[in-house]
Amino acid sequence: MQMKPYFIIHKLRNMKYYHKNIIAIILSSLVVFSSCKVEPINDPNNPGLGPISANPTLGEIQNLVTGIESGMRDNINFYLDDAGVIGREFYRFSTSDPRFTSDLLGKGTAVLDNNTFYITNPFAARYRVVKNANILLDGLTHTTATITDAQRKVGKAYANTIKAHELLMVLNLEYDNGIRVDVSNPDALGPFLTRAQSTDEIANLLNTAYTDLSANAAAIFPFSTTLFSNTAGEFAKFNRALAARVAVYKSDWNGALTALTNSFFNLNGDLNAGAFYYFSSAGGDQLNPMFFPPNSSGEARVAQPSFITNADPGDTRLSKTPLRASSTTQDGLTSNYDFFVYKTNIDKIPIIRNEELLLIYAEAKTQLGGASNFTDAITAINKIRNAASLANYSGVVSQAALIDEMLKQRRYSLYGEGHRWIDMRRYNRLNTLPIDRAGDDIWVQFPRPANE
């Protein structure tokens, strides 16, 4: 009998959320895989899936949104470690689990396992958020709470934007394996789509959401979000930023530029403006799982040495990889530099930033070609270089040279944010990544989880 995920939505616990003095109930979903249908266990102290979907109150809708945004952070460290280690940005040293330096790096005969934490955890976490977003869609459809039609529409647009983001993260790991996009009915899951079909469906989700967000730009969500903005018109800019990312993954260069025009892209703006995962030390909240103090041993993230040796002299982005007091070695790998992108355990982690948008702009302009587009690309590249205390670009002005320069700037500007592996794969350059040990492998994608 086919194995299908069955979701039970339950309240997890109270927590102080995103530095605010409010107590919110975190909603999560438990994924249980069974060969036969499993009925939900009713909890008299907590509402189940039915009441939330059928006619939720505004308070229950707010709790669901709070749970969605908290769930987006769950296991984000595994996703970033997966992309960062395979992309040879950093090593993840762990005395408790050698698979970070064996499986992920293809040591010897090691291969990626389809039934272990580095794929099952991020996969399940992202689909839990998708499931909760689907419940939010149902709840907004059926609620009799006092909300306007515009609020109902933009609330659904919020849910579809989140779904698109989470599905894209799953697809980034699964790549040619494709993903399920239609998981609204756990008893009748949609098929696995091809990579191209999956990317198109993600783009469609974003575009559908944007239509409602832009048509009701003045509307305020019927809930509060800390993700970007409570106003539909402003949240639409976040939606378009994600759409620009998807467009370059599709090699849709004109589409990327159009999306940027309607995003928070600002050629002269703050490079760190954008949307983030937030963390805090408040009781019940999450700490930034990507933070390790400098000179950590046992459990540590350390820079792959070529990040330092390949940098231009004076590049201030090397502050992300400070020199350790002493080198550290594990499993035949050695580094003298820490991965120190996040300076405290409550630092926020980017979802998407203006710095990435400038680089998307430079990429699209370069790919479209022509003197005028090359000039625009160099203007954006120089904004990035100057922010890192580097002089203006003075290399060859050609498409090939500017692609090389754009990828280099993405490497240093977006270090540790989950892009390098994807970028090298997009440009068929995985074979240019450094091999850390003789016989190591560079993986193209993760296997589909065994329970799928």
Protein backbone atom coordinates (compact mmCIF):
# COMPACT_ATOMS: atom_id res chain seq x y z
CA MET A 1 0.00 0.00 0.00
CA GLN A 2 1.33 3.45 -0.88
CA MET A 3 2.80 5.35 2.02
CA LYS A 4 1.26 8.79 2.51
CA PRO A 5 1.92 11.54 5.03
CA TYR A 6 -0.91 12.25 7.42
CA PHE A 7 -0.78 15.55 9.24
CA ILE A 8 -2.10 16.31 12.69
CA ILE A 9 -2.06 19.95 13.67
CA HIS A 10 -1.49 20.64 17.31
CA LYS A 11 -0.44 23.48 19.56
CA LEU A 12 3.10 23.10 20.73
CA ARG A 13 3.65 25.53 23.57
CA ASN A 14 3.57 29.16 24.56
CA MET A 15 6.49 31.32 23.68
CA LYS A 16 7.60 34.92 23.47
CA TYR A 17 7.84 35.61 19.75
CA TYR A 18 10.35 37.68 17.78
CA HIS A 19 11.34 40.12 20.54
CA LYS A 20 7.74 41.22 21.14
CA ASN A 21 6.00 41.25 24.48
CA ILE A 22 3.19 39.03 23.35
CA ILE A 23 2.56 35.39 24.13
CA ALA A 24 1.64 33.34 21.12
CA ILE A 25 0.73 29.71 20.63
CA ILE A 26 3.04 28.02 18.21
CA LEU A 27 1.24 25.76 15.82
CA SER A 28 3.10 22.88 14.42
CA SER A 29 2.18 19.80 12.48
CA LEU A 30 3.20 16.26 13.19
CA VAL A 31 4.01 14.19 10.16
CA VAL A 32 3.22 10.52 10.62
CA PHE A 33 3.94 8.11 7.82
CA SER A 34 1.80 4.99 7.72
CA SER A 35 0.74 2.41 5.19
CA CYS A 36 -2.85 2.80 6.36
CA LYS A 37 -5.02 5.77 7.28
CA VAL A 38 -4.46 7.03 10.82
CA GLU A 39 -7.19 9.00 12.58
CA PRO A 40 -6.16 12.14 14.51
CA ILE A 41 -6.00 11.87 18.27
CA ASN A 42 -8.29 14.53 19.67
CA ASP A 43 -6.81 16.74 22.35
CA PRO A 44 -9.56 18.35 24.49
CA ASN A 45 -7.17 21.14 25.48
CA ASN A 46 -6.31 22.17 21.92
CA PRO A 47 -8.36 22.68 18.77
CA GLY A 48 -7.69 20.25 15.97
CA LEU A 49 -7.49 20.59 12.21
CA GLY A 50 -11.28 20.63 11.73
CA PRO A 51 -12.16 23.65 13.89
CA ILE A 52 -9.26 25.70 12.53
CA SER A 53 -10.18 24.97 8.92
CA ALA A 54 -13.94 25.16 9.34
CA ASN A 55 -14.51 28.52 11.01
CA PRO A 56 -11.49 29.91 12.86
CA THR A 57 -11.59 33.02 14.98
CA LEU A 58 -9.22 35.87 14.27
CA GLY A 59 -7.23 34.73 17.31
CA GLU A 60 -6.87 31.23 15.87
CA ILE A 61 -5.84 32.68 12.51
CA GLN A 62 -3.20 34.79 14.25
CA ASN A 63 -1.93 31.75 16.14
CA LEU A 64 -1.66 29.86 12.87
CA VAL A 65 0.35 32.66 11.22
CA THR A 66 2.62 32.83 14.25
CA GLY A 67 3.14 29.07 13.97
CA ILE A 68 3.89 29.34 10.25
CA GLU A 69 6.57 31.97 10.79
CA SER A 70 8.09 30.07 13.69
CA GLY A 71 8.06 26.86 11.64
CA MET A 72 9.91 28.53 8.80
CA ARG A 73 12.94 28.62 11.10
CA ASP A 74 12.75 24.94 12.04
CA ASN A 75 15.77 22.97 10.83
CA ILE A 76 17.02 25.94 8.81
CA ASN A 77 20.50 24.95 10.01
CA PHE A 78 20.27 21.60 8.21
CA TYR A 79 19.30 23.31 4.95
CA LEU A 80 22.16 25.82 5.24
CA ASP A 81 24.64 23.11 6.25
CA ASP A 82 23.53 20.95 3.32
CA ALA A 83 24.07 23.74 0.79
CA GLY A 84 27.11 25.24 2.51
CA VAL A 85 29.07 22.03 2.99
CA ILE A 86 28.34 20.54 -0.43
CA GLY A 87 29.01 23.97 -1.95
CA ARG A 88 32.44 23.97 -0.24
CA GLU A 89 31.75 27.20 1.64
CA PHE A 90 32.49 25.77 5.07
CA TYR A 91 33.04 22.53 6.95
CA ARG A 92 30.63 21.38 9.65
CA PHE A 93 32.72 19.62 12.29
CA SER A 94 30.73 17.48 14.69
CA THR A 95 32.15 15.00 17.16
CA SER A 96 28.66 13.52 17.55
CA ASP A 97 27.96 12.89 13.86
CA PRO A 98 30.65 12.24 11.24
CA ARG A 99 28.18 12.35 8.34
CA PHE A 100 28.73 16.09 7.92
CA THR A 101 32.26 15.36 6.72
CA SER A 102 31.66 11.96 5.16
CA ASP A 103 28.26 11.79 3.43
CA LEU A 104 27.94 15.46 2.51
CA LEU A 105 31.45 15.58 1.09
CA GLY A 106 31.33 12.15 -0.54
CA LYS A 107 34.28 10.78 1.38
CA GLY A 108 35.53 7.51 -0.06
CA THR A 109 32.54 5.27 -0.71
CA ALA A 110 30.13 7.44 1.29
CA VAL A 111 26.96 8.52 -0.48
CA LEU A 112 23.98 10.63 0.50
CA ASP A 113 21.49 8.64 2.57
CA ASN A 114 17.79 9.01 1.78
CA ASN A 115 16.74 8.25 5.33
CA THR A 116 18.85 10.43 7.58
CA PHE A 117 18.65 13.81 9.28
CA TYR A 118 20.31 15.99 6.67
CA ILE A 119 17.45 15.42 4.20
CA THR A 120 14.51 14.16 6.25
CA ASN A 121 14.63 17.03 8.76
CA PRO A 122 14.62 19.98 6.34
CA PHE A 123 12.20 18.18 4.01
CA ALA A 124 9.64 17.54 6.75
CA ALA A 125 10.05 21.01 8.28
CA ARG A 126 9.30 22.76 4.99
CA TYR A 127 6.25 20.62 4.28
CA ARG A 128 4.93 21.24 7.79
CA VAL A 129 4.91 24.95 6.97
CA VAL A 130 3.21 24.23 3.63
CA LYS A 131 0.56 22.21 5.44
CA ASN A 132 -0.10 25.02 7.90
CA ALA A 133 -0.29 27.48 5.00
CA ASN A 134 -2.94 25.24 3.42
CA ILE A 135 -4.88 25.25 6.67
CA LEU A 136 -4.64 29.04 6.72
CA LEU A 137 -6.07 29.13 3.19
CA ASP A 138 -8.99 26.96 4.30
CA GLY A 139 -9.49 29.00 7.43
CA LEU A 140 -9.58 32.29 5.54
CA THR A 141 -12.09 30.79 3.11
CA HIS A 142 -14.49 29.60 5.81
CA THR A 143 -14.09 32.04 8.68
CA THR A 144 -17.13 34.11 9.61
CA ALA A 145 -14.96 36.53 11.55
CA THR A 146 -15.27 40.19 10.64
CA ILE A 147 -12.82 40.71 7.80
CA THR A 148 -13.23 42.43 4.45
CA ASP A 149 -13.11 40.66 1.12
CA ALA A 150 -9.80 42.41 0.44
CA GLN A 151 -8.37 41.13 3.71
CA ARG A 152 -9.47 37.62 2.87
CA LYS A 153 -7.74 37.82 -0.51
CA VAL A 154 -4.46 39.28 0.75
CA GLY A 155 -4.39 36.84 3.65
CA LYS A 156 -4.55 34.01 1.12
CA ALA A 157 -1.86 35.72 -0.93
CA TYR A 158 0.36 35.74 2.15
CA ALA A 159 -0.19 31.97 2.55
CA ASN A 160 0.61 31.26 -1.11
CA THR A 161 3.77 33.38 -0.94
CA ILE A 162 4.98 31.38 2.05
CA LYS A 163 4.11 28.10 0.34
CA ALA A 164 6.13 29.11 -2.70
CA HIS A 165 9.16 29.97 -0.59
CA GLU A 166 9.08 26.71 1.34
CA LEU A 167 8.56 24.60 -1.77
CA LEU A 168 11.48 26.33 -3.48
CA MET A 169 13.73 25.35 -0.58
CA VAL A 170 12.68 21.72 -0.96
CA LEU A 171 13.27 21.88 -4.71
CA ASN A 172 16.72 23.41 -4.18
CA LEU A 173 17.75 20.22 -2.40
CA GLU A 174 15.83 17.76 -4.59
CA TYR A 175 16.52 19.43 -7.97
CA ASP A 176 15.97 16.89 -10.77
CA ASN A 177 14.01 14.62 -8.45
CA GLY A 178 11.27 17.24 -8.46
CA ILE A 179 8.78 17.77 -5.65
CA ARG A 180 5.14 17.43 -4.78
CA VAL A 181 3.44 20.82 -5.00
CA ASP A 182 -0.15 19.71 -4.37
CA VAL A 183 -0.24 18.34 -0.83
CA SER A 184 -3.50 19.93 0.32
CA ASN A 185 -5.22 16.56 0.74
CA PRO A 186 -3.06 14.10 2.70
CA ASP A 187 -5.21 11.20 1.46
CA ALA A 188 -4.75 12.16 -2.18
CA LEU A 189 -1.34 13.72 -2.63
CA GLY A 190 -0.47 15.26 -5.96
CA PRO A 191 2.24 13.67 -8.12
CA PHE A 192 5.93 14.43 -8.06
CA LEU A 193 6.54 17.01 -10.76
CA THR A 194 9.64 17.42 -12.87
CA ARG A 195 12.10 20.15 -11.89
CA ALA A 196 10.78 22.45 -14.62
CA GLN A 197 7.17 21.78 -13.68
CA SER A 198 7.95 22.31 -9.99
CA THR A 199 9.64 25.64 -10.69
CA ASP A 200 6.74 26.75 -12.88
CA GLU A 201 4.21 25.89 -10.18
CA ILE A 202 6.21 27.82 -7.59
CA ALA A 203 6.29 30.81 -9.94
CA ASN A 204 2.53 30.45 -10.48
CA LEU A 205 1.90 30.51 -6.72
CA LEU A 206 3.90 33.71 -6.41
CA ASN A 207 2.20 35.31 -9.39
CA THR A 208 -1.30 34.40 -8.16
CA ALA A 209 -0.47 35.87 -4.77
CA TYR A 210 0.99 39.01 -6.32
CA THR A 211 -2.16 39.64 -8.34
CA ASP A 212 -4.24 39.81 -5.15
CA LEU A 213 -1.61 41.72 -3.18
CA SER A 214 -1.21 44.41 -5.82
CA ALA A 215 -4.95 44.68 -6.53
CA ASN A 216 -5.58 45.27 -2.82
CA ALA A 217 -2.39 47.15 -2.00
CA ALA A 218 -3.94 49.31 0.72
CA ALA A 219 -5.39 46.36 2.60
CA ILE A 220 -4.02 45.32 5.97
CA PHE A 221 -3.66 41.62 6.69
CA PRO A 222 -6.27 40.26 9.14
CA PHE A 223 -3.31 39.16 11.26
CA SER A 224 0.13 40.46 12.22
CA THR A 225 3.31 39.24 10.55
CA THR A 226 6.89 39.95 11.50
CA LEU A 227 8.12 38.53 8.20
CA PHE A 228 8.04 41.74 6.18
CA SER A 229 5.01 44.06 6.41
CA ASN A 230 1.37 43.95 7.50
CA THR A 231 0.34 46.00 4.46
CA ALA A 232 -0.44 44.09 1.27
CA GLY A 233 1.30 46.57 -1.02
CA GLU A 234 4.54 46.36 0.96
CA PHE A 235 4.36 42.59 1.35
CA ALA A 236 3.98 42.40 -2.43
CA LYS A 237 7.57 43.70 -2.69
CA PHE A 238 8.78 40.67 -0.74
CA ASN A 239 6.73 38.44 -3.05
CA ARG A 240 8.36 40.01 -6.12
CA ALA A 241 11.83 39.63 -4.62
CA LEU A 242 11.20 35.90 -4.35
CA ALA A 243 9.79 35.92 -7.89
CA ALA A 244 13.02 37.50 -9.14
CA ARG A 245 15.01 34.68 -7.54
CA VAL A 246 12.76 32.07 -9.15
CA ALA A 247 13.05 33.85 -12.50
CA VAL A 248 16.85 33.60 -12.60
CA TYR A 249 16.56 29.93 -11.66
CA LYS A 250 14.38 29.62 -14.77
CA SER A 251 16.82 31.71 -16.86
CA ASP A 252 13.95 34.17 -17.40
CA TRP A 253 16.08 37.30 -17.45
CA ASN A 254 13.39 39.77 -18.52
CA GLY A 255 11.03 38.26 -15.97
CA ALA A 256 13.64 38.77 -13.27
CA LEU A 257 14.02 42.45 -14.15
CA THR A 258 10.25 42.97 -14.18
CA ALA A 259 9.94 41.33 -10.77
CA LEU A 260 12.77 43.48 -9.41
CA THR A 261 10.97 46.63 -10.55
CA ASN A 262 8.07 45.73 -8.25
CA SER A 263 10.20 44.46 -5.36
CA PHE A 264 12.15 46.28 -2.66
CA PHE A 265 15.17 46.34 -4.99
CA ASN A 266 17.06 49.61 -4.50
CA LEU A 267 20.30 50.16 -6.37
CA ASN A 268 21.32 52.87 -3.91
CA GLY A 269 19.66 51.41 -0.83
CA ASP A 270 20.72 49.46 2.22
CA LEU A 271 22.17 46.15 1.07
CA ASN A 272 20.85 44.47 4.22
CA ALA A 273 17.24 45.56 3.78
CA GLY A 274 14.94 42.59 3.31
CA ALA A 275 13.11 39.75 5.01
CA PHE A 276 14.64 37.62 7.77
CA TYR A 277 14.16 34.77 10.19
CA TYR A 278 14.22 36.23 13.70
CA PHE A 279 15.53 34.59 16.86
CA SER A 280 15.57 35.46 20.55
CA SER A 281 16.61 34.12 23.94
CA ALA A 282 13.10 34.52 25.35
CA GLY A 283 11.63 31.50 27.04
CA GLY A 284 10.36 28.97 24.51
CA ASP A 285 11.77 30.80 21.49
CA GLN A 286 14.56 29.61 19.20
CA LEU A 287 18.19 30.66 19.14
CA ASN A 288 20.08 31.10 15.90
CA PRO A 289 21.28 27.53 15.15
CA MET A 290 24.00 28.77 12.78
CA PHE A 291 25.91 30.53 15.57
CA PHE A 292 29.01 29.03 17.13
CA PRO A 293 31.40 31.18 19.17
CA PRO A 294 34.85 31.80 17.65
CA ASN A 295 37.44 29.11 18.29
CA SER A 296 34.79 26.49 19.04
CA SER A 297 35.94 22.89 19.12
CA GLY A 298 34.01 19.65 18.95
CA GLU A 299 30.94 21.27 17.40
CA ALA A 300 32.04 23.95 14.95
CA ARG A 301 31.65 25.49 11.53
CA VAL A 302 34.88 26.61 9.91
CA ALA A 303 35.56 28.26 6.58
CA GLN A 304 36.71 26.26 3.58
CA PRO A 305 40.21 27.75 3.09
CA SER A 306 39.72 28.82 -0.53
CA PHE A 307 37.15 31.41 0.56
CA ILE A 308 40.03 33.34 2.09
CA THR A 309 42.74 32.58 -0.46
CA ASN A 310 40.54 33.47 -3.46
CA ALA A 311 39.38 36.80 -2.04
CA ASP A 312 40.54 40.14 -3.40
CA PRO A 313 42.92 41.97 -1.03
CA GLY A 314 41.06 44.28 1.33
CA ASP A 315 37.65 42.63 0.90
CA THR A 316 35.85 43.45 4.16
CA ARG A 317 33.49 40.51 3.69
CA LEU A 318 36.31 38.36 5.05
CA SER A 319 35.07 39.55 8.45
CA LYS A 320 32.68 36.61 8.08
CA THR A 321 35.67 34.26 8.44
CA PRO A 322 38.02 35.52 11.18
CA LEU A 323 41.33 33.82 11.90
CA ARG A 324 41.13 31.25 14.69
CA ALA A 325 43.52 31.22 17.64
CA SER A 326 44.63 27.82 16.37
CA SER A 327 43.72 25.61 13.45
CA THR A 328 41.17 22.84 13.86
CA THR A 329 41.14 19.46 12.15
CA GLN A 330 38.61 16.70 11.76
CA ASP A 331 38.36 13.75 9.39
CA GLY A 332 41.36 14.88 7.37
CA LEU A 333 40.05 18.44 6.94
CA THR A 334 41.73 21.51 8.40
CA SER A 335 40.84 25.18 8.63
CA ASN A 336 42.40 28.20 10.30
CA TYR A 337 39.27 30.30 9.92
CA ASP A 338 35.89 30.30 11.61
CA PHE A 339 32.51 30.54 9.91
CA PHE A 340 31.31 33.64 11.76
CA VAL A 341 28.53 35.13 9.66
CA TYR A 342 26.34 35.48 12.75
CA LYS A 343 27.94 37.24 15.69
CA THR A 344 25.44 36.28 18.41
CA ASN A 345 22.96 33.50 19.01
CA ILE A 346 20.03 35.86 18.36
CA ASP A 347 21.26 37.34 15.06
CA LYS A 348 18.66 37.17 12.29
CA ILE A 349 19.20 34.95 9.23
CA PRO A 350 18.30 36.38 5.82
CA ILE A 351 15.48 35.05 3.71
CA ILE A 352 16.26 37.51 0.93
CA ARG A 353 18.16 40.82 1.00
CA ASN A 354 18.64 43.81 -1.25
CA GLU A 355 22.25 42.73 -1.80
CA GLU A 356 20.99 39.58 -3.51
CA LEU A 357 18.58 41.66 -5.59
CA LEU A 358 21.43 43.84 -6.88
CA LEU A 359 23.27 40.70 -7.90
CA ILE A 360 20.14 39.31 -9.59
CA TYR A 361 19.92 42.60 -11.48
CA ALA A 362 23.57 42.31 -12.54
CA GLU A 363 23.04 38.68 -13.62
CA ALA A 364 19.93 39.43 -15.69
CA LYS A 365 21.53 42.43 -17.37
CA THR A 366 24.66 40.43 -18.16
CA GLN A 367 22.68 37.55 -19.60
CA LEU A 368 20.62 39.85 -21.82
CA GLY A 369 23.85 41.25 -23.24
CA GLY A 370 24.64 44.43 -25.14
CA ALA A 371 26.71 47.46 -24.18
CA SER A 372 23.91 49.23 -22.30
CA ASN A 373 23.04 46.14 -20.26
CA PHE A 374 26.69 45.49 -19.50
CA THR A 375 27.01 49.07 -18.22
CA ASP A 376 24.01 48.53 -15.93
CA ALA A 377 25.44 45.24 -14.69
CA ILE A 378 28.79 46.87 -13.88
CA THR A 379 27.01 49.68 -12.02
CA ALA A 380 25.34 47.12 -9.75
CA ILE A 381 28.55 45.11 -9.35
CA ASN A 382 30.42 48.25 -8.35
CA LYS A 383 27.82 48.99 -5.66
CA ILE A 384 28.59 45.57 -4.21
CA ARG A 385 32.35 45.90 -4.59
CA ASN A 386 32.49 49.39 -3.09
CA ALA A 387 30.40 48.27 -0.09
CA ALA A 388 33.12 45.65 0.49
CA SER A 389 35.85 48.33 0.25
CA LEU A 390 36.93 47.18 -3.19
CA ALA A 391 37.64 49.42 -6.19
CA ASN A 392 35.38 49.47 -9.22
CA TYR A 393 35.45 46.54 -11.60
CA SER A 394 38.27 46.98 -14.12
CA GLY A 395 38.21 43.67 -15.92
CA VAL A 396 37.18 42.70 -19.43
CA VAL A 397 33.70 43.88 -20.42
CA SER A 398 32.22 40.76 -21.97
CA GLN A 399 29.37 38.46 -21.05
CA ALA A 400 31.70 35.64 -19.95
CA ALA A 401 33.86 37.94 -17.82
CA LEU A 402 30.90 39.64 -16.18
CA ILE A 403 29.27 36.29 -15.37
CA ASP A 404 32.51 35.27 -13.65
CA GLU A 405 32.57 38.54 -11.72
CA MET A 406 28.89 38.31 -10.77
CA LEU A 407 29.34 34.77 -9.45
CA LYS A 408 32.38 35.83 -7.46
CA GLN A 409 30.46 38.68 -5.86
CA ARG A 410 27.59 36.33 -5.06
CA ARG A 411 30.11 33.99 -3.43
CA TYR A 412 31.35 36.68 -1.04
CA SER A 413 28.20 38.72 -0.51
CA LEU A 414 25.88 35.74 0.07
CA TYR A 415 28.39 33.57 1.92
CA GLY A 416 26.72 30.96 4.08
CA GLU A 417 23.21 31.96 3.00
CA GLY A 418 22.64 28.83 0.91
CA HIS A 419 23.44 30.07 -2.62
CA ARG A 420 26.92 28.96 -3.71
CA TRP A 421 26.07 25.30 -4.40
CA ILE A 422 22.90 26.34 -6.28
CA ASP A 423 24.78 28.97 -8.30
CA MET A 424 27.52 26.57 -9.34
CA ARG A 425 24.90 24.01 -10.31
CA ARG A 426 22.93 26.58 -12.33
CA TYR A 427 26.05 27.41 -14.33
CA ASN A 428 27.28 23.81 -14.67
CA ARG A 429 30.36 24.65 -12.63
CA LEU A 430 30.12 22.14 -9.79
CA ASN A 431 33.34 20.62 -11.11
CA THR A 432 35.14 23.87 -10.29
CA LEU A 433 34.41 23.60 -6.57
CA PRO A 434 37.45 22.58 -4.51
CA ILE A 435 37.86 18.91 -3.66
CA ASP A 436 38.82 18.75 -0.02
CA ARG A 437 40.25 15.23 -0.03
CA ALA A 438 41.25 12.87 -2.80
CA GLY A 439 38.24 10.81 -3.82
CA ASP A 440 35.61 13.19 -2.44
CA ASP A 441 32.47 13.83 -4.48
CA ILE A 442 30.40 16.91 -5.23
CA TRP A 443 26.70 16.07 -5.20
CA VAL A 444 24.19 17.55 -7.64
CA GLN A 445 21.14 16.87 -5.46
CA PHE A 446 19.81 14.98 -2.48
CA PRO A 447 17.92 11.71 -2.85
CA ARG A 448 14.17 11.74 -2.36
CA PRO A 449 13.45 10.86 1.28
CA ALA A 450 12.73 7.18 1.83
CA ASN A 451 9.27 7.79 3.27
CA GLU A 452 8.27 9.49 0.03
